Amino acid sequence: MEWEERVAELERRVAALEQRPEPVTGLGEGDLWALEGLRSQLADAGAEDGGVLFTGTVRLPTQERYEWQYGQVTGALLDSDWTEAADSFAALGSAVRLRLLREILGGCRTAAELTGLEGLGTSGQIYHHLRQLTATGWLRSADRGRYEVPAPRVVPLLVVLTAARA
């Protein structure tokens, strides 16, 4: 029995690896065109220690479009208080909360729609998760019982998910 469980676990892990998205290439000149643009910006700003940039252009299944970018120089990032991010990361550390975010981005926006989905728990549990996501800024209540991911958080959410798979 133990052998069968180990083989099943290995098969699951291989399947998960096969689902990983391939890096996007061919969007610009050269393989590191975005990195070259960042280096140029950092050189112009005199940021010798480098920096980090994330950006995205997104069209959701609801046809909503978002374009966003954010950058930070390395020194400021390393000197900042990282503990301030703990609650935000903790809110994303739940499979149910991640599914709620995915469903909301996909168009299920009302509490009634979300509580009707299977596998998310009771309505009380769902409301608990929605409160946690709202408290950390990953969600906001647009109207009573209606939720949305705030526009400035759509691309960062997808960046976090991409980084988790890298």
C-alpha atoms as a PDB file:
ATOM      1  CA  MET A   1       0.000   0.000   0.000  1.00  0.00           C
ATOM      2  CA  GLU A   2       2.797   2.428   0.879  1.00  0.00           C
ATOM      3  CA  TRP A   3       4.403   1.893  -2.554  1.00  0.00           C
ATOM      4  CA  GLU A   4       1.138   2.695  -4.351  1.00  0.00           C
ATOM      5  CA  GLU A   5       0.716   5.898  -2.337  1.00  0.00           C
ATOM      6  CA  ARG A   6       4.255   6.999  -3.171  1.00  0.00           C
ATOM      7  CA  VAL A   7       3.731   6.353  -6.881  1.00  0.00           C
ATOM      8  CA  ALA A   8       0.410   8.220  -6.815  1.00  0.00           C
ATOM      9  CA  GLU A   9       2.100  11.171  -5.082  1.00  0.00           C
ATOM     10  CA  LEU A  10       4.882  11.214  -7.691  1.00  0.00           C
ATOM     11  CA  GLU A  11       2.332  11.096 -10.504  1.00  0.00           C
ATOM     12  CA  ARG A  12       0.462  14.024  -8.927  1.00  0.00           C
ATOM     13  CA  ARG A  13       3.675  16.044  -8.627  1.00  0.00           C
ATOM     14  CA  VAL A  14       4.693  15.348 -12.234  1.00  0.00           C
ATOM     15  CA  ALA A  15       1.229  16.368 -13.431  1.00  0.00           C
ATOM     16  CA  ALA A  16       1.516  19.624 -11.446  1.00  0.00           C
ATOM     17  CA  LEU A  17       4.909  20.357 -13.020  1.00  0.00           C
ATOM     18  CA  GLU A  18       3.489  19.741 -16.479  1.00  0.00           C
ATOM     19  CA  GLN A  19       0.761  22.334 -15.773  1.00  0.00           C
ATOM     20  CA  ARG A  20       3.296  25.112 -15.086  1.00  0.00           C
ATOM     21  CA  PRO A  21       3.055  27.876 -17.663  1.00  0.00           C
ATOM     22  CA  GLU A  22       5.975  28.428 -20.000  1.00  0.00           C
ATOM     23  CA  PRO A  23       7.658  31.824 -19.714  1.00  0.00           C
ATOM     24  CA  VAL A  24       6.400  34.356 -22.251  1.00  0.00           C
ATOM     25  CA  THR A  25       8.975  35.048 -24.933  1.00  0.00           C
ATOM     26  CA  GLY A  26       8.935  36.861 -28.224  1.00  0.00           C
ATOM     27  CA  LEU A  27       7.161  39.984 -26.945  1.00  0.00           C
ATOM     28  CA  GLY A  28      10.099  42.264 -27.611  1.00  0.00           C
ATOM     29  CA  GLU A  29      13.599  42.462 -28.967  1.00  0.00           C
ATOM     30  CA  GLY A  30      15.809  39.832 -27.320  1.00  0.00           C
ATOM     31  CA  ASP A  31      15.039  37.454 -24.516  1.00  0.00           C
ATOM     32  CA  LEU A  32      15.364  40.026 -21.719  1.00  0.00           C
ATOM     33  CA  TRP A  33      13.730  43.074 -23.313  1.00  0.00           C
ATOM     34  CA  ALA A  34      11.797  44.040 -20.166  1.00  0.00           C
ATOM     35  CA  LEU A  35      14.921  43.654 -18.036  1.00  0.00           C
ATOM     36  CA  GLU A  36      16.890  45.846 -20.424  1.00  0.00           C
ATOM     37  CA  GLY A  37      14.222  48.549 -20.133  1.00  0.00           C
ATOM     38  CA  LEU A  38      14.380  48.323 -16.321  1.00  0.00           C
ATOM     39  CA  ARG A  39      18.177  48.588 -16.371  1.00  0.00           C
ATOM     40  CA  SER A  40      17.926  51.701 -18.512  1.00  0.00           C
ATOM     41  CA  GLN A  41      15.389  53.302 -16.131  1.00  0.00           C
ATOM     42  CA  LEU A  42      17.521  52.438 -13.104  1.00  0.00           C
ATOM     43  CA  ALA A  43      20.664  53.841 -14.712  1.00  0.00           C
ATOM     44  CA  ASP A  44      18.840  57.092 -15.524  1.00  0.00           C
ATOM     45  CA  ALA A  45      17.701  57.288 -11.871  1.00  0.00           C
ATOM     46  CA  GLY A  46      21.176  56.512 -10.517  1.00  0.00           C
ATOM     47  CA  ALA A  47      19.933  53.384  -8.757  1.00  0.00           C
ATOM     48  CA  GLU A  48      23.171  51.408  -8.720  1.00  0.00           C
ATOM     49  CA  ASP A  49      21.824  48.582  -6.550  1.00  0.00           C
ATOM     50  CA  GLY A  50      19.183  47.651  -9.110  1.00  0.00           C
ATOM     51  CA  GLY A  51      15.478  47.245  -8.701  1.00  0.00           C
ATOM     52  CA  VAL A  52      12.389  45.148  -9.198  1.00  0.00           C
ATOM     53  CA  LEU A  53       9.582  45.765 -11.668  1.00  0.00           C
ATOM     54  CA  PHE A  54       6.310  44.004 -12.312  1.00  0.00           C
ATOM     55  CA  THR A  55       3.773  44.898 -14.900  1.00  0.00           C
ATOM     56  CA  GLY A  56       0.832  43.430 -16.716  1.00  0.00           C
ATOM     57  CA  THR A  57      -1.985  43.976 -19.134  1.00  0.00           C
ATOM     58  CA  VAL A  58      -4.977  41.802 -18.324  1.00  0.00           C
ATOM     59  CA  ARG A  59      -8.389  41.083 -19.792  1.00  0.00           C
ATOM     60  CA  LEU A  60     -10.584  39.109 -17.427  1.00  0.00           C
ATOM     61  CA  PRO A  61     -13.334  36.672 -18.477  1.00  0.00           C
ATOM     62  CA  THR A  62     -15.746  39.527 -17.630  1.00  0.00           C
ATOM     63  CA  GLN A  63     -14.041  41.569 -20.403  1.00  0.00           C
ATOM     64  CA  GLU A  64     -12.715  44.082 -17.862  1.00  0.00           C
ATOM     65  CA  ARG A  65      -9.225  45.305 -18.762  1.00  0.00           C
ATOM     66  CA  TYR A  66      -6.432  46.335 -16.444  1.00  0.00           C
ATOM     67  CA  GLU A  67      -2.961  47.691 -17.150  1.00  0.00           C
ATOM     68  CA  TRP A  68      -0.599  48.306 -14.305  1.00  0.00           C
ATOM     69  CA  GLN A  69       3.061  48.511 -13.373  1.00  0.00           C
ATOM     70  CA  TYR A  70       5.061  49.045 -10.236  1.00  0.00           C
ATOM     71  CA  GLY A  71       8.752  49.245  -9.533  1.00  0.00           C
ATOM     72  CA  GLN A  72      10.946  49.643  -6.497  1.00  0.00           C
ATOM     73  CA  VAL A  73      14.682  50.210  -6.179  1.00  0.00           C
ATOM     74  CA  THR A  74      16.501  47.453  -4.329  1.00  0.00           C
ATOM     75  CA  GLY A  75      17.798  49.584  -1.466  1.00  0.00           C
ATOM     76  CA  ALA A  76      14.363  50.907  -0.534  1.00  0.00           C
ATOM     77  CA  LEU A  77      12.865  47.435  -0.791  1.00  0.00           C
ATOM     78  CA  LEU A  78      15.525  45.798   1.387  1.00  0.00           C
ATOM     79  CA  ASP A  79      15.338  48.602   3.952  1.00  0.00           C
ATOM     80  CA  SER A  80      11.550  48.495   4.286  1.00  0.00           C
ATOM     81  CA  ASP A  81       9.641  46.680   7.033  1.00  0.00           C
ATOM     82  CA  TRP A  82       8.711  43.350   5.480  1.00  0.00           C
ATOM     83  CA  THR A  83       6.518  42.369   8.414  1.00  0.00           C
ATOM     84  CA  GLU A  84       3.899  44.819   7.099  1.00  0.00           C
ATOM     85  CA  ALA A  85       3.249  42.344   4.266  1.00  0.00           C
ATOM     86  CA  ALA A  86       2.546  39.390   6.573  1.00  0.00           C
ATOM     87  CA  ASP A  87      -1.217  39.907   6.830  1.00  0.00           C
ATOM     88  CA  SER A  88      -1.543  40.317   3.074  1.00  0.00           C
ATOM     89  CA  PHE A  89       0.373  37.094   2.402  1.00  0.00           C
ATOM     90  CA  ALA A  90      -1.518  35.291   5.162  1.00  0.00           C
ATOM     91  CA  ALA A  91      -4.812  36.217   3.510  1.00  0.00           C
ATOM     92  CA  LEU A  92      -3.602  34.532   0.319  1.00  0.00           C
ATOM     93  CA  GLY A  93      -2.431  31.460   2.224  1.00  0.00           C
ATOM     94  CA  SER A  94      -5.786  29.701   2.012  1.00  0.00           C
ATOM     95  CA  ALA A  95      -6.983  27.566  -0.876  1.00  0.00           C
ATOM     96  CA  VAL A  96     -10.562  28.719  -0.248  1.00  0.00           C
ATOM     97  CA  ARG A  97      -9.576  32.401  -0.350  1.00  0.00           C
ATOM     98  CA  LEU A  98      -7.614  31.913  -3.548  1.00  0.00           C
ATOM     99  CA  ARG A  99     -10.604  30.184  -5.105  1.00  0.00           C
ATOM    100  CA  LEU A 100     -12.876  33.037  -3.983  1.00  0.00           C
ATOM    101  CA  LEU A 101     -10.546  35.555  -5.643  1.00  0.00           C
ATOM    102  CA  ARG A 102     -10.482  33.491  -8.836  1.00  0.00           C
ATOM    103  CA  GLU A 103     -14.264  33.194  -8.888  1.00  0.00           C
ATOM    104  CA  ILE A 104     -14.686  36.929  -8.283  1.00  0.00           C
ATOM    105  CA  LEU A 105     -12.248  37.774 -11.092  1.00  0.00           C
ATOM    106  CA  GLY A 106     -14.222  35.342 -13.249  1.00  0.00           C
ATOM    107  CA  GLY A 107     -17.510  37.142 -12.648  1.00  0.00           C
ATOM    108  CA  CYS A 108     -19.102  35.617  -9.534  1.00  0.00           C
ATOM    109  CA  ARG A 109     -19.428  38.821  -7.576  1.00  0.00           C
ATOM    110  CA  THR A 110     -22.285  38.503  -5.119  1.00  0.00           C
ATOM    111  CA  ALA A 111     -22.216  36.715  -1.793  1.00  0.00           C
ATOM    112  CA  ALA A 112     -25.178  34.634  -2.949  1.00  0.00           C
ATOM    113  CA  GLU A 113     -23.274  33.441  -6.044  1.00  0.00           C
ATOM    114  CA  LEU A 114     -20.201  32.632  -3.988  1.00  0.00           C
ATOM    115  CA  THR A 115     -22.080  30.714  -1.296  1.00  0.00           C
ATOM    116  CA  GLY A 116     -23.737  28.676  -4.050  1.00  0.00           C
ATOM    117  CA  LEU A 117     -20.395  27.277  -5.228  1.00  0.00           C
ATOM    118  CA  GLU A 118     -19.445  23.799  -4.069  1.00  0.00           C
ATOM    119  CA  GLY A 119     -16.399  23.098  -1.958  1.00  0.00           C
ATOM    120  CA  LEU A 120     -16.084  26.504  -0.306  1.00  0.00           C
ATOM    121  CA  GLY A 121     -17.730  25.697   3.007  1.00  0.00           C
ATOM    122  CA  THR A 122     -20.726  27.135   4.776  1.00  0.00           C
ATOM    123  CA  SER A 123     -21.980  30.658   4.181  1.00  0.00           C
ATOM    124  CA  GLY A 124     -20.495  31.664   7.551  1.00  0.00           C
ATOM    125  CA  GLN A 125     -17.103  30.326   6.543  1.00  0.00           C
ATOM    126  CA  ILE A 126     -17.288  32.085   3.182  1.00  0.00           C
ATOM    127  CA  TYR A 127     -18.170  35.397   4.835  1.00  0.00           C
ATOM    128  CA  HIS A 128     -15.212  34.918   7.196  1.00  0.00           C
ATOM    129  CA  HIS A 129     -12.872  34.488   4.204  1.00  0.00           C
ATOM    130  CA  LEU A 130     -14.412  37.466   2.396  1.00  0.00           C
ATOM    131  CA  ARG A 131     -13.841  39.632   5.494  1.00  0.00           C
ATOM    132  CA  GLN A 132     -10.188  38.565   5.658  1.00  0.00           C
ATOM    133  CA  LEU A 133      -9.641  39.368   1.984  1.00  0.00           C
ATOM    134  CA  THR A 134     -11.398  42.708   2.371  1.00  0.00           C
ATOM    135  CA  ALA A 135      -9.431  43.635   5.497  1.00  0.00           C
ATOM    136  CA  THR A 136      -6.128  43.099   3.674  1.00  0.00           C
ATOM    137  CA  GLY A 137      -7.166  44.963   0.528  1.00  0.00           C
ATOM    138  CA  TRP A 138      -7.454  42.013  -1.850  1.00  0.00           C
ATOM    139  CA  LEU A 139     -11.212  42.603  -2.074  1.00  0.00           C
ATOM    140  CA  ARG A 140     -13.592  45.458  -1.556  1.00  0.00           C
ATOM    141  CA  SER A 141     -17.308  45.482  -1.127  1.00  0.00           C
ATOM    142  CA  ALA A 142     -18.692  47.418  -4.100  1.00  0.00           C
ATOM    143  CA  ASP A 143     -22.270  47.274  -2.877  1.00  0.00           C
ATOM    144  CA  ARG A 144     -23.900  45.353  -0.114  1.00  0.00           C
ATOM    145  CA  GLY A 145     -23.147  41.700  -0.751  1.00  0.00           C
ATOM    146  CA  ARG A 146     -21.178  42.401  -3.947  1.00  0.00           C
ATOM    147  CA  TYR A 147     -17.391  42.021  -4.072  1.00  0.00           C
ATOM    148  CA  GLU A 148     -14.639  42.961  -6.488  1.00  0.00           C
ATOM    149  CA  VAL A 149     -10.859  42.896  -6.611  1.00  0.00           C
ATOM    150  CA  PRO A 150      -9.789  46.566  -6.565  1.00  0.00           C
ATOM    151  CA  ALA A 151      -8.270  47.616  -9.897  1.00  0.00           C
ATOM    152  CA  PRO A 152      -4.802  48.336  -8.430  1.00  0.00           C
ATOM    153  CA  ARG A 153      -4.706  44.812  -6.958  1.00  0.00           C
ATOM    154  CA  VAL A 154      -5.629  42.768 -10.071  1.00  0.00           C
ATOM    155  CA  VAL A 155      -2.173  42.667 -11.669  1.00  0.00           C
ATOM    156  CA  PRO A 156      -0.312  42.318  -8.326  1.00  0.00           C
ATOM    157  CA  LEU A 157      -2.536  39.339  -7.453  1.00  0.00           C
ATOM    158  CA  LEU A 158      -1.689  37.680 -10.751  1.00  0.00           C
ATOM    159  CA  VAL A 159       2.003  38.519 -10.244  1.00  0.00           C
ATOM    160  CA  VAL A 160       1.954  36.840  -6.811  1.00  0.00           C
ATOM    161  CA  LEU A 161       0.367  33.751  -8.343  1.00  0.00           C
ATOM    162  CA  THR A 162       2.923  33.753 -11.168  1.00  0.00           C
ATOM    163  CA  ALA A 163       5.792  34.129  -8.687  1.00  0.00           C
ATOM    164  CA  ALA A 164       4.453  31.197  -6.660  1.00  0.00           C
ATOM    165  CA  ARG A 165       4.769  29.016  -9.756  1.00  0.00           C
ATOM    166  CA  ALA A 166       8.221  30.227 -10.820  1.00  0.00           C
END
